[in-house]
Amino acid sequence: MLRLLTIELHKLKYNKSAKAILIVYFILITFIALISSIEFNFGDFHFRIADQGIFNFPYIWHFNTYIAAILKLFLAIVIVSMMANEYSDRTLKQNLIDGLSKKEFVLSKFLTVILFSVISTLFVFGVSLLLGLMFSDYNELGIIFSDIEYLFAYFINLTGFFSFCLFLGVLVKRSAFALGFLLIWSIAEGIIYSVFKWKIFKDTDIAESIIQFFPLAAMSNLIKEPFSRLGVVQSAANQLGEAFEKDYSVQPLTILIVLAWTFLFVYGSYYILKRRDL
C-alpha cells in the first residue's frame, strides 16, 4: 500500500495547480481564526463574534467541522483533476504497462483520498484545539474532548465526497465535466427532495426519510448546521415564542449510509476501469 501511495504522491509533487489549490484550501481553513477578530460597532453597542461562544468547547468541534466541510470543494477539484490528468497525460496506460493492475490503480487513488481526509481532519483538529484553548470559557479536559465525534463525522464526510469525485473522474474523464456532473447531481437531489416534500408527501417526514439515503444528502446530514445551536440564537427564539427541537448529534445510520456509498463509488470506479478499453 505504501508503494501505491508513493506513486500518487510522486505525481502530485509535479502538479503545480494541485499544490496551489491545496495551499489555498488549508489557508482558508486557517482563516476561521479571523472570525474571532470581527467586531461590529453601532454607537455604544459593541458586538464581537468570538464572544458569542462559537469557540467554546465543545461547540467549536461542531462549528469548525461544519465550516471546513463547506470548503471541501477545493480538494474535490484536486481529486477530479488528478484522475483527469491520468487520461490526458496517458499515465494510466503507462502505469498498467509497467505492471500496475487496475485494482491497484484504483486502490492507489483511494489511498490518496484517505490521506487527504486524514490530513484535513488533523488540521481542523489542530486549528480548533488552538482556538478553543485561546477563547473558550470552558477548559476542563472532559469538556474539551466531548463532542469530538464531529471530527470523525468530518473524516467520513470527506472520504465519501472525495470517493464520489474519484468515481466521477473515472466515469467522465474530464475534470470540468466531472465537476459539472457533480453540480447537476446536487441540483437533482434538491429537486427530488422538493418534489417529495411539497408535492407527493406533504405534511409528513417521509421526504426526509427517503432523501437521507441519497449520497450528497447523507454526507450533508453527517454534520448538521450549528448556528441554531448557539445560545444567543436559542435565547432569541425563546423570546419570540419559538423553540428549536433539533437533534444535532452524529447519527450512526448516516455514517453507515455514507460508508456504503463510499464502497459503491470505489468499486464503481474499479468496475468502469475493468470494463473500459484503455
Protein backbone atom coordinates (compact mmCIF):
# COMPACT_ATOMS: atom_id res chain seq x y z
CA MET A 1 0.00 0.00 0.00
CA LEU A 2 2.86 2.34 0.78
CA ARG A 3 4.22 1.75 -2.72
CA LEU A 4 0.88 2.70 -4.29
CA LEU A 5 0.59 5.83 -2.17
CA THR A 6 4.17 6.82 -3.04
CA ILE A 7 3.33 6.62 -6.75
CA GLU A 8 0.40 9.02 -6.32
CA LEU A 9 2.34 11.45 -4.17
CA HIS A 10 5.09 11.48 -6.79
CA LYS A 11 2.52 12.52 -9.41
CA LEU A 12 1.13 15.27 -7.18
CA LYS A 13 4.63 16.54 -6.48
CA TYR A 14 4.91 17.81 -10.05
CA ASN A 15 1.31 19.07 -10.31
CA LYS A 16 1.61 22.81 -9.65
CA SER A 17 -2.11 23.54 -9.88
CA ALA A 18 -2.93 20.80 -7.34
CA LYS A 19 -0.33 22.14 -4.91
CA ALA A 20 -1.70 25.68 -5.30
CA ILE A 21 -5.27 24.53 -4.59
CA LEU A 22 -4.14 22.54 -1.54
CA ILE A 23 -2.34 25.58 -0.14
CA VAL A 24 -5.39 27.79 -0.69
CA TYR A 25 -7.63 25.18 0.97
CA PHE A 26 -5.59 25.00 4.17
CA ILE A 27 -5.17 28.78 4.27
CA LEU A 28 -8.96 29.18 4.07
CA ILE A 29 -9.44 26.78 6.98
CA THR A 30 -6.90 28.82 8.95
CA PHE A 31 -8.94 31.93 8.17
CA ILE A 32 -11.64 30.58 10.51
CA ALA A 33 -9.42 32.10 13.20
CA LEU A 34 -10.01 35.56 11.71
CA ILE A 35 -13.67 35.29 12.70
CA SER A 36 -12.51 35.88 16.27
CA SER A 37 -11.31 39.39 15.36
CA ILE A 38 -14.51 40.52 13.62
CA GLU A 39 -16.23 43.20 15.67
CA PHE A 40 -19.29 45.30 14.91
CA ASN A 41 -19.68 48.74 16.46
CA PHE A 42 -23.03 50.56 16.42
CA GLY A 43 -22.64 53.61 18.63
CA ASP A 44 -22.39 52.33 22.20
CA PHE A 45 -23.21 48.79 21.08
CA HIS A 46 -20.20 46.53 20.53
CA PHE A 47 -20.54 43.04 19.12
CA ARG A 48 -17.63 40.61 18.70
CA ILE A 49 -18.34 37.25 17.08
CA ALA A 50 -15.84 35.37 19.24
CA ASP A 51 -17.74 36.50 22.36
CA GLN A 52 -20.90 34.68 21.21
CA GLY A 53 -19.49 31.28 22.14
CA ILE A 54 -18.58 29.89 18.71
CA PHE A 55 -15.13 28.98 20.01
CA ASN A 56 -16.34 27.45 23.26
CA PHE A 57 -15.65 23.78 23.88
CA PRO A 58 -17.31 21.53 22.85
CA TYR A 59 -19.33 23.65 20.38
CA ILE A 60 -16.18 24.55 18.42
CA TRP A 61 -15.86 20.97 17.13
CA HIS A 62 -19.32 21.23 15.59
CA PHE A 63 -18.85 24.75 14.20
CA ASN A 64 -15.37 24.31 12.70
CA THR A 65 -16.03 20.94 11.08
CA TYR A 66 -19.22 22.32 9.52
CA ILE A 67 -17.40 25.35 8.07
CA ALA A 68 -14.42 23.27 6.92
CA ALA A 69 -16.75 20.75 5.23
CA ILE A 70 -18.11 23.57 3.05
CA LEU A 71 -14.57 24.19 1.78
CA LYS A 72 -14.04 20.58 0.68
CA LEU A 73 -14.84 21.54 -2.91
CA PHE A 74 -11.26 22.81 -3.21
CA LEU A 75 -9.89 19.34 -2.52
CA ALA A 76 -12.57 17.87 -4.78
CA ILE A 77 -11.03 19.83 -7.66
CA VAL A 78 -7.68 18.19 -6.89
CA ILE A 79 -9.22 14.70 -6.81
CA VAL A 80 -11.10 15.17 -10.09
CA SER A 81 -8.17 16.78 -11.90
CA MET A 82 -5.86 14.09 -10.55
CA MET A 83 -8.00 11.48 -12.29
CA ALA A 84 -8.50 13.53 -15.46
CA ASN A 85 -4.73 14.00 -15.80
CA GLU A 86 -4.32 10.22 -15.83
CA TYR A 87 -6.22 10.17 -19.13
CA SER A 88 -4.83 13.34 -20.69
CA ASP A 89 -1.20 12.58 -19.76
CA ARG A 90 -1.62 8.86 -20.55
CA THR A 91 -0.07 7.95 -17.20
CA LEU A 92 -2.89 5.49 -16.53
CA LYS A 93 -1.97 3.47 -19.59
CA GLN A 94 1.71 3.70 -18.74
CA ASN A 95 1.10 2.51 -15.17
CA LEU A 96 -0.77 -0.53 -16.49
CA ILE A 97 2.03 -1.27 -18.96
CA ASP A 98 4.55 -1.04 -16.12
CA GLY A 99 2.70 -3.79 -14.26
CA LEU A 100 0.20 -1.94 -12.08
CA SER A 101 -3.17 -3.72 -12.11
CA LYS A 102 -6.42 -1.79 -12.47
CA LYS A 103 -7.34 -2.84 -8.95
CA GLU A 104 -4.06 -1.45 -7.61
CA PHE A 105 -4.56 1.75 -9.62
CA VAL A 106 -7.97 2.43 -8.05
CA LEU A 107 -6.60 1.47 -4.63
CA SER A 108 -3.78 3.99 -5.05
CA LYS A 109 -6.33 6.73 -5.76
CA PHE A 110 -8.47 5.71 -2.79
CA LEU A 111 -5.41 5.74 -0.51
CA THR A 112 -4.78 9.31 -1.67
CA VAL A 113 -8.40 10.14 -0.79
CA ILE A 114 -7.86 8.67 2.68
CA LEU A 115 -4.61 10.61 3.09
CA PHE A 116 -6.25 13.92 2.14
CA SER A 117 -9.10 13.22 4.55
CA VAL A 118 -6.74 12.34 7.42
CA ILE A 119 -4.52 15.40 6.90
CA SER A 120 -7.52 17.73 6.64
CA THR A 121 -9.10 16.22 9.78
CA LEU A 122 -5.88 16.59 11.76
CA PHE A 123 -5.51 20.16 10.54
CA VAL A 124 -9.04 21.08 11.60
CA PHE A 125 -8.39 19.37 14.94
CA GLY A 126 -5.26 21.46 15.49
CA VAL A 127 -6.89 24.76 14.50
CA SER A 128 -9.99 24.04 16.62
CA LEU A 129 -7.97 22.99 19.66
CA LEU A 130 -5.81 26.10 19.47
CA LEU A 131 -8.78 28.47 19.04
CA GLY A 132 -10.67 26.72 21.81
CA LEU A 133 -7.78 26.98 24.25
CA MET A 134 -7.49 30.69 23.41
CA PHE A 135 -11.16 31.72 23.52
CA SER A 136 -13.25 29.03 25.23
CA ASP A 137 -14.85 29.73 28.59
CA TYR A 138 -14.62 26.03 29.42
CA ASN A 139 -11.20 24.38 29.59
CA GLU A 140 -11.88 21.25 31.64
CA LEU A 141 -10.41 18.18 29.92
CA GLY A 142 -13.74 16.35 29.87
CA ILE A 143 -15.48 19.27 28.20
CA ILE A 144 -12.66 19.86 25.69
CA PHE A 145 -12.89 16.39 24.24
CA SER A 146 -16.65 15.94 24.39
CA ASP A 147 -18.41 16.09 21.01
CA ILE A 148 -15.15 15.01 19.38
CA GLU A 149 -17.25 12.69 17.19
CA TYR A 150 -17.77 15.65 14.85
CA LEU A 151 -14.17 15.20 13.73
CA PHE A 152 -14.88 11.56 12.90
CA ALA A 153 -18.01 12.64 11.01
CA TYR A 154 -15.89 15.21 9.16
CA PHE A 155 -13.43 12.50 8.14
CA ILE A 156 -16.23 10.24 6.89
CA ASN A 157 -17.77 13.22 5.07
CA LEU A 158 -14.53 13.98 3.22
CA THR A 159 -13.81 10.34 2.40
CA GLY A 160 -17.28 9.79 0.96
CA PHE A 161 -17.28 13.04 -1.01
CA PHE A 162 -13.80 12.52 -2.45
CA SER A 163 -14.69 8.93 -3.39
CA PHE A 164 -17.68 10.34 -5.29
CA CYS A 165 -15.35 12.79 -7.05
CA LEU A 166 -12.98 9.94 -7.88
CA PHE A 167 -15.85 7.96 -9.37
CA LEU A 168 -16.92 10.95 -11.49
CA GLY A 169 -13.34 11.49 -12.62
CA VAL A 170 -13.12 7.87 -13.78
CA LEU A 171 -16.57 8.00 -15.38
CA VAL A 172 -16.33 11.32 -17.23
CA LYS A 173 -12.54 11.58 -17.79
CA ARG A 174 -12.51 15.40 -17.93
CA SER A 175 -12.34 17.45 -14.73
CA ALA A 176 -14.65 20.26 -15.91
CA PHE A 177 -17.36 17.81 -16.98
CA ALA A 178 -16.94 15.79 -13.78
CA LEU A 179 -17.40 18.91 -11.62
CA GLY A 180 -20.35 19.91 -13.80
CA PHE A 181 -21.89 16.48 -13.25
CA LEU A 182 -21.35 16.92 -9.50
CA LEU A 183 -23.24 20.22 -9.61
CA ILE A 184 -26.07 18.69 -11.65
CA TRP A 185 -26.32 15.78 -9.20
CA SER A 186 -26.54 18.22 -6.28
CA ILE A 187 -29.32 20.18 -8.02
CA ALA A 188 -31.12 16.93 -8.88
CA GLU A 189 -31.14 15.83 -5.24
CA GLY A 190 -32.58 19.21 -4.27
CA ILE A 191 -35.33 18.95 -6.90
CA ILE A 192 -36.20 15.39 -5.89
CA TYR A 193 -36.43 16.42 -2.25
CA SER A 194 -38.64 19.42 -3.12
CA VAL A 195 -40.99 17.26 -5.18
CA PHE A 196 -41.25 14.71 -2.39
CA LYS A 197 -41.67 17.36 0.33
CA TRP A 198 -44.15 19.70 -1.33
CA LYS A 199 -45.95 17.55 -3.91
CA ILE A 200 -46.00 13.86 -3.03
CA PHE A 201 -45.57 13.57 0.75
CA LYS A 202 -46.94 16.87 2.07
CA ASP A 203 -47.09 17.48 5.84
CA THR A 204 -45.05 14.34 6.59
CA ASP A 205 -41.42 13.43 7.27
CA ILE A 206 -41.36 10.81 4.51
CA ALA A 207 -39.34 13.07 2.19
CA GLU A 208 -36.58 13.39 4.79
CA SER A 209 -36.66 9.63 5.39
CA ILE A 210 -36.11 8.96 1.67
CA ILE A 211 -33.61 11.70 0.82
CA GLN A 212 -31.31 10.71 3.69
CA PHE A 213 -30.23 7.72 1.58
CA PHE A 214 -29.03 9.90 -1.32
CA PRO A 215 -25.22 10.36 -1.35
CA LEU A 216 -24.82 14.14 -1.07
CA ALA A 217 -27.75 14.47 1.34
CA ALA A 218 -26.29 11.75 3.56
CA MET A 219 -22.89 13.48 3.59
CA SER A 220 -24.56 16.77 4.45
CA ASN A 221 -26.53 15.13 7.27
CA LEU A 222 -23.34 13.94 8.96
CA ILE A 223 -22.73 17.44 10.35
CA LYS A 224 -25.93 19.44 10.71
CA GLU A 225 -25.88 23.24 10.71
CA PRO A 226 -24.60 24.51 14.08
CA PHE A 227 -25.89 28.10 14.07
CA SER A 228 -29.29 27.45 15.64
CA ARG A 229 -27.44 25.69 18.46
CA LEU A 230 -25.80 28.95 19.62
CA GLY A 231 -27.03 30.26 22.95
CA VAL A 232 -27.78 33.72 21.56
CA VAL A 233 -29.95 32.20 18.81
CA GLN A 234 -31.73 29.92 21.26
CA SER A 235 -32.43 32.87 23.59
CA ALA A 236 -33.79 34.99 20.73
CA ALA A 237 -36.03 32.13 19.62
CA ASN A 238 -37.37 31.64 23.15
CA GLN A 239 -38.21 35.33 23.42
CA LEU A 240 -40.17 35.07 20.18
CA GLY A 241 -42.04 32.06 21.50
CA GLU A 242 -40.21 29.63 19.24
CA ALA A 243 -38.03 26.69 20.19
CA PHE A 244 -35.54 24.61 18.23
CA GLU A 245 -36.26 20.94 18.66
CA LYS A 246 -33.40 19.54 16.64
CA ASP A 247 -31.02 16.65 17.13
CA TYR A 248 -27.51 17.91 16.29
CA SER A 249 -25.71 14.65 17.12
CA VAL A 250 -23.86 12.49 14.63
CA GLN A 251 -26.18 9.64 13.65
CA PRO A 252 -24.75 6.08 13.25
CA LEU A 253 -27.22 5.35 10.43
CA THR A 254 -25.94 8.34 8.46
CA ILE A 255 -22.35 7.13 8.90
CA LEU A 256 -23.33 3.69 7.59
CA ILE A 257 -25.09 5.23 4.58
CA VAL A 258 -22.04 7.31 3.65
CA LEU A 259 -19.71 4.34 4.14
CA ALA A 260 -21.94 2.25 1.86
CA TRP A 261 -21.84 4.95 -0.82
CA THR A 262 -18.06 5.20 -0.41
CA PHE A 263 -17.72 1.49 -1.09
CA LEU A 264 -20.03 1.73 -4.11
CA PHE A 265 -18.11 4.68 -5.56
CA VAL A 266 -14.73 2.98 -5.17
CA TYR A 267 -16.00 -0.33 -6.51
CA GLY A 268 -17.80 1.51 -9.32
CA SER A 269 -14.52 3.21 -10.27
CA TYR A 270 -12.81 -0.18 -10.44
CA TYR A 271 -15.69 -1.72 -12.40
CA ILE A 272 -15.60 1.05 -15.02
CA LEU A 273 -11.84 0.75 -15.47
CA LYS A 274 -12.09 -3.03 -15.62
CA ARG A 275 -14.68 -2.89 -18.43
CA ARG A 276 -13.20 0.09 -20.27
CA ASP A 277 -10.78 -0.41 -23.14
CA LEU A 278 -7.80 1.80 -22.34
